[in-house]
Amino acid sequence: MVPYGLNKDQFASMYQRKLDRLSDHAVRTFQDLLALPVDPGVDEVNLEIFPDEYGGAPDVWAYWLGKNNKVDHMDPSLFPGRSLELALDLNDLADIDERYFVGSDEFPGLRLTVSLLSRWLAEAWWKAGGWAYPVPTTLAVHDFGSYGSVQLSKGGR
């Protein structure tokens, strides 16, 4: 457990070290994902970070979207309408005292973590070869105000 009491710089450094330890796994996970064929009906892919407001491990999901989205829990392919939780093993990020996240007026833990996590995910995606992904892909933080998004690939089938 990371106890409460770090300043912003110490907190960011600690969180970045945790992410760095997970980098090789994240790159391999993205390489495996990027190697899968994408249905020609997919027009875009969105990766979304779902932060835990109480300091739990965040989740990252990928969504393949197109004009004719479908729902099919048995089809393992990357078709329009497919969603997939990415197995990035972020559980180590849950051992941080929740006071860094609750009462964000006192400490901006959530803002710091989503910023660091966004940059780390984008870097892992690109290291895995994701810039050449054939479908336009963006990364965003789910329901986090005007945080914005990062373009991970332009596509260009």
C-alpha atoms as a PDB file:
ATOM      1  CA  MET A   1       0.000   0.000   0.000  1.00  0.00           C
ATOM      2  CA  VAL A   2       1.290   3.439  -0.940  1.00  0.00           C
ATOM      3  CA  PRO A   3       0.530   5.518   2.171  1.00  0.00           C
ATOM      4  CA  TYR A   4      -0.913   9.008   2.060  1.00  0.00           C
ATOM      5  CA  GLY A   5       1.579  11.851   2.414  1.00  0.00           C
ATOM      6  CA  LEU A   6       3.417  12.181  -0.893  1.00  0.00           C
ATOM      7  CA  ASN A   7       3.508  15.552  -2.620  1.00  0.00           C
ATOM      8  CA  LYS A   8       2.437  15.862  -6.286  1.00  0.00           C
ATOM      9  CA  ASP A   9       5.916  15.246  -7.694  1.00  0.00           C
ATOM     10  CA  GLN A  10       6.522  12.238  -5.460  1.00  0.00           C
ATOM     11  CA  PHE A  11       3.095  10.828  -6.301  1.00  0.00           C
ATOM     12  CA  ALA A  12       3.625  11.254 -10.064  1.00  0.00           C
ATOM     13  CA  SER A  13       7.067   9.643  -9.821  1.00  0.00           C
ATOM     14  CA  MET A  14       5.691   6.678  -7.853  1.00  0.00           C
ATOM     15  CA  TYR A  15       2.807   6.171 -10.310  1.00  0.00           C
ATOM     16  CA  GLN A  16       5.124   6.425 -13.322  1.00  0.00           C
ATOM     17  CA  ARG A  17       7.441   3.788 -11.818  1.00  0.00           C
ATOM     18  CA  LYS A  18       4.453   1.456 -11.412  1.00  0.00           C
ATOM     19  CA  LEU A  19       3.500   2.037 -15.056  1.00  0.00           C
ATOM     20  CA  ASP A  20       7.075   1.541 -16.253  1.00  0.00           C
ATOM     21  CA  ARG A  21       7.150  -1.913 -14.644  1.00  0.00           C
ATOM     22  CA  LEU A  22       4.071  -2.823 -16.709  1.00  0.00           C
ATOM     23  CA  SER A  23       5.344  -1.419 -20.025  1.00  0.00           C
ATOM     24  CA  ASP A  24       6.729  -4.609 -21.564  1.00  0.00           C
ATOM     25  CA  HIS A  25       3.479  -6.450 -20.880  1.00  0.00           C
ATOM     26  CA  ALA A  26       1.415  -3.579 -22.325  1.00  0.00           C
ATOM     27  CA  VAL A  27       3.495  -3.496 -25.507  1.00  0.00           C
ATOM     28  CA  ARG A  28       3.111  -7.278 -25.945  1.00  0.00           C
ATOM     29  CA  THR A  29      -0.644  -6.999 -25.316  1.00  0.00           C
ATOM     30  CA  PHE A  30      -0.941  -4.312 -27.985  1.00  0.00           C
ATOM     31  CA  GLN A  31       1.245  -6.286 -30.416  1.00  0.00           C
ATOM     32  CA  ASP A  32      -1.093  -9.261 -30.030  1.00  0.00           C
ATOM     33  CA  LEU A  33      -4.120  -7.030 -30.568  1.00  0.00           C
ATOM     34  CA  LEU A  34      -2.606  -5.281 -33.587  1.00  0.00           C
ATOM     35  CA  ALA A  35      -1.880  -8.657 -35.220  1.00  0.00           C
ATOM     36  CA  LEU A  36      -5.581  -9.574 -35.317  1.00  0.00           C
ATOM     37  CA  PRO A  37      -7.438  -8.972 -38.592  1.00  0.00           C
ATOM     38  CA  VAL A  38      -9.977  -6.142 -38.560  1.00  0.00           C
ATOM     39  CA  ASP A  39     -13.336  -6.518 -40.288  1.00  0.00           C
ATOM     40  CA  PRO A  40     -13.543  -4.228 -43.348  1.00  0.00           C
ATOM     41  CA  GLY A  41     -16.707  -2.626 -41.916  1.00  0.00           C
ATOM     42  CA  VAL A  42     -14.785  -1.082 -39.006  1.00  0.00           C
ATOM     43  CA  ASP A  43     -14.438   2.679 -39.535  1.00  0.00           C
ATOM     44  CA  GLU A  44     -12.727   3.642 -36.279  1.00  0.00           C
ATOM     45  CA  VAL A  45     -11.423   2.282 -32.998  1.00  0.00           C
ATOM     46  CA  ASN A  46     -11.723   3.997 -29.641  1.00  0.00           C
ATOM     47  CA  LEU A  47      -9.638   3.074 -26.628  1.00  0.00           C
ATOM     48  CA  GLU A  48     -11.107   4.356 -23.371  1.00  0.00           C
ATOM     49  CA  ILE A  49      -9.601   4.572 -19.932  1.00  0.00           C
ATOM     50  CA  PHE A  50     -12.075   4.018 -17.114  1.00  0.00           C
ATOM     51  CA  PRO A  51     -10.419   5.475 -14.010  1.00  0.00           C
ATOM     52  CA  ASP A  52     -11.540   4.444 -10.551  1.00  0.00           C
ATOM     53  CA  GLU A  53     -12.432   7.565  -8.590  1.00  0.00           C
ATOM     54  CA  TYR A  54     -11.423   5.871  -5.326  1.00  0.00           C
ATOM     55  CA  GLY A  55      -7.967   4.745  -6.363  1.00  0.00           C
ATOM     56  CA  GLY A  56      -8.790   1.266  -7.609  1.00  0.00           C
ATOM     57  CA  ALA A  57      -7.170  -0.126 -10.728  1.00  0.00           C
ATOM     58  CA  PRO A  58      -8.326   1.555 -13.937  1.00  0.00           C
ATOM     59  CA  ASP A  59      -9.791  -0.431 -16.809  1.00  0.00           C
ATOM     60  CA  VAL A  60      -9.010   0.088 -20.485  1.00  0.00           C
ATOM     61  CA  TRP A  61     -11.481  -0.968 -23.154  1.00  0.00           C
ATOM     62  CA  ALA A  62     -11.294  -0.957 -26.961  1.00  0.00           C
ATOM     63  CA  TYR A  63     -14.328  -0.366 -29.188  1.00  0.00           C
ATOM     64  CA  TRP A  64     -14.441  -1.137 -32.919  1.00  0.00           C
ATOM     65  CA  LEU A  65     -17.103   1.022 -34.579  1.00  0.00           C
ATOM     66  CA  GLY A  66     -18.698   1.155 -38.004  1.00  0.00           C
ATOM     67  CA  LYS A  67     -21.919   1.922 -39.856  1.00  0.00           C
ATOM     68  CA  ASN A  68     -23.396  -1.515 -39.177  1.00  0.00           C
ATOM     69  CA  ASN A  69     -22.490  -2.302 -35.581  1.00  0.00           C
ATOM     70  CA  LYS A  70     -23.602  -5.675 -34.321  1.00  0.00           C
ATOM     71  CA  VAL A  71     -23.704  -7.453 -30.990  1.00  0.00           C
ATOM     72  CA  ASP A  72     -22.316 -10.976 -31.003  1.00  0.00           C
ATOM     73  CA  HIS A  73     -20.736 -12.380 -27.854  1.00  0.00           C
ATOM     74  CA  MET A  74     -19.662 -15.561 -29.641  1.00  0.00           C
ATOM     75  CA  ASP A  75     -17.742 -13.934 -32.523  1.00  0.00           C
ATOM     76  CA  PRO A  76     -14.096 -13.369 -31.465  1.00  0.00           C
ATOM     77  CA  SER A  77     -13.245 -11.249 -34.520  1.00  0.00           C
ATOM     78  CA  LEU A  78     -12.814  -7.462 -34.527  1.00  0.00           C
ATOM     79  CA  PHE A  79     -16.119  -6.481 -36.131  1.00  0.00           C
ATOM     80  CA  PRO A  80     -18.082  -3.209 -35.979  1.00  0.00           C
ATOM     81  CA  GLY A  81     -19.705  -3.128 -32.558  1.00  0.00           C
ATOM     82  CA  ARG A  82     -17.054  -5.266 -30.833  1.00  0.00           C
ATOM     83  CA  SER A  83     -15.855  -4.164 -27.414  1.00  0.00           C
ATOM     84  CA  LEU A  84     -12.982  -5.743 -25.548  1.00  0.00           C
ATOM     85  CA  GLU A  85     -11.432  -5.118 -22.146  1.00  0.00           C
ATOM     86  CA  LEU A  86      -7.671  -4.993 -22.600  1.00  0.00           C
ATOM     87  CA  ALA A  87      -5.745  -7.329 -20.293  1.00  0.00           C
ATOM     88  CA  LEU A  88      -3.074  -4.856 -19.198  1.00  0.00           C
ATOM     89  CA  ASP A  89      -2.691  -6.199 -15.628  1.00  0.00           C
ATOM     90  CA  LEU A  90      -3.147  -2.800 -13.981  1.00  0.00           C
ATOM     91  CA  ASN A  91      -4.020  -4.289 -10.575  1.00  0.00           C
ATOM     92  CA  ASP A  92      -0.777  -2.975  -9.049  1.00  0.00           C
ATOM     93  CA  LEU A  93      -2.216   0.528  -9.481  1.00  0.00           C
ATOM     94  CA  ALA A  94      -4.910  -0.254  -6.887  1.00  0.00           C
ATOM     95  CA  ASP A  95      -2.585  -0.326  -3.873  1.00  0.00           C
ATOM     96  CA  ILE A  96      -2.589   3.460  -3.427  1.00  0.00           C
ATOM     97  CA  ASP A  97      -4.277   5.103  -0.447  1.00  0.00           C
ATOM     98  CA  GLU A  98      -7.695   6.326  -1.608  1.00  0.00           C
ATOM     99  CA  ARG A  99      -7.181   9.731   0.033  1.00  0.00           C
ATOM    100  CA  TYR A 100      -5.101  10.685  -3.007  1.00  0.00           C
ATOM    101  CA  PHE A 101      -8.291  10.368  -5.072  1.00  0.00           C
ATOM    102  CA  VAL A 102     -11.203  11.208  -2.757  1.00  0.00           C
ATOM    103  CA  GLY A 103     -11.482  14.918  -2.010  1.00  0.00           C
ATOM    104  CA  SER A 104      -9.712  16.033  -5.179  1.00  0.00           C
ATOM    105  CA  ASP A 105      -9.702  19.638  -3.929  1.00  0.00           C
ATOM    106  CA  GLU A 106      -6.886  18.638  -1.591  1.00  0.00           C
ATOM    107  CA  PHE A 107      -4.888  16.381  -3.915  1.00  0.00           C
ATOM    108  CA  PRO A 108      -5.388  15.969  -7.692  1.00  0.00           C
ATOM    109  CA  GLY A 109      -4.662  12.223  -7.736  1.00  0.00           C
ATOM    110  CA  LEU A 110      -7.249  11.398 -10.371  1.00  0.00           C
ATOM    111  CA  ARG A 111      -6.063  14.138 -12.735  1.00  0.00           C
ATOM    112  CA  LEU A 112      -2.427  13.110 -12.285  1.00  0.00           C
ATOM    113  CA  THR A 113      -3.107   9.411 -12.847  1.00  0.00           C
ATOM    114  CA  VAL A 114      -5.228   9.811 -15.992  1.00  0.00           C
ATOM    115  CA  SER A 115      -2.602  12.087 -17.505  1.00  0.00           C
ATOM    116  CA  LEU A 116       0.223   9.655 -16.772  1.00  0.00           C
ATOM    117  CA  LEU A 117      -1.840   6.645 -17.822  1.00  0.00           C
ATOM    118  CA  SER A 118      -2.876   8.287 -21.111  1.00  0.00           C
ATOM    119  CA  ARG A 119       0.709   9.082 -22.064  1.00  0.00           C
ATOM    120  CA  TRP A 120       1.887   5.621 -21.020  1.00  0.00           C
ATOM    121  CA  LEU A 121      -0.828   3.858 -23.041  1.00  0.00           C
ATOM    122  CA  ALA A 122      -0.139   5.963 -26.133  1.00  0.00           C
ATOM    123  CA  GLU A 123       3.567   5.204 -25.870  1.00  0.00           C
ATOM    124  CA  ALA A 124       2.940   1.464 -25.464  1.00  0.00           C
ATOM    125  CA  TRP A 125       0.577   1.515 -28.467  1.00  0.00           C
ATOM    126  CA  TRP A 126       3.157   3.233 -30.645  1.00  0.00           C
ATOM    127  CA  LYS A 127       6.011   0.972 -29.449  1.00  0.00           C
ATOM    128  CA  ALA A 128       3.848  -1.983 -30.457  1.00  0.00           C
ATOM    129  CA  GLY A 129       3.582  -0.558 -33.985  1.00  0.00           C
ATOM    130  CA  GLY A 130       0.140   0.957 -33.549  1.00  0.00           C
ATOM    131  CA  TRP A 131       0.757   4.079 -35.615  1.00  0.00           C
ATOM    132  CA  ALA A 132       0.473   1.852 -38.706  1.00  0.00           C
ATOM    133  CA  TYR A 133      -2.873   0.366 -37.577  1.00  0.00           C
ATOM    134  CA  PRO A 134      -5.178   0.356 -40.633  1.00  0.00           C
ATOM    135  CA  VAL A 135      -8.105   1.993 -38.806  1.00  0.00           C
ATOM    136  CA  PRO A 136      -8.165   5.495 -37.251  1.00  0.00           C
ATOM    137  CA  THR A 137      -7.720   4.983 -33.513  1.00  0.00           C
ATOM    138  CA  THR A 138      -8.111   7.392 -30.609  1.00  0.00           C
ATOM    139  CA  LEU A 139      -7.526   7.188 -26.871  1.00  0.00           C
ATOM    140  CA  ALA A 140      -9.722   9.046 -24.389  1.00  0.00           C
ATOM    141  CA  VAL A 141     -10.584   9.055 -20.709  1.00  0.00           C
ATOM    142  CA  HIS A 142     -14.204   8.022 -20.108  1.00  0.00           C
ATOM    143  CA  ASP A 143     -16.418  10.705 -18.525  1.00  0.00           C
ATOM    144  CA  PHE A 144     -13.555  12.945 -17.513  1.00  0.00           C
ATOM    145  CA  GLY A 145     -14.712  16.378 -18.574  1.00  0.00           C
ATOM    146  CA  SER A 146     -12.674  18.115 -21.239  1.00  0.00           C
ATOM    147  CA  TYR A 147      -9.559  15.987 -20.869  1.00  0.00           C
ATOM    148  CA  GLY A 148      -9.501  15.436 -24.624  1.00  0.00           C
ATOM    149  CA  SER A 149      -8.255  12.544 -26.711  1.00  0.00           C
ATOM    150  CA  VAL A 150      -5.044  11.336 -28.325  1.00  0.00           C
ATOM    151  CA  GLN A 151      -4.859  10.162 -31.918  1.00  0.00           C
ATOM    152  CA  LEU A 152      -3.081   6.794 -31.890  1.00  0.00           C
ATOM    153  CA  SER A 153      -3.290   6.071 -35.624  1.00  0.00           C
ATOM    154  CA  LYS A 154      -4.624   7.767 -38.732  1.00  0.00           C
ATOM    155  CA  GLY A 155      -5.661   4.577 -40.490  1.00  0.00           C
ATOM    156  CA  GLY A 156      -5.688   4.556 -44.232  1.00  0.00           C
ATOM    157  CA  ARG A 157      -6.926   1.296 -45.626  1.00  0.00           C
END
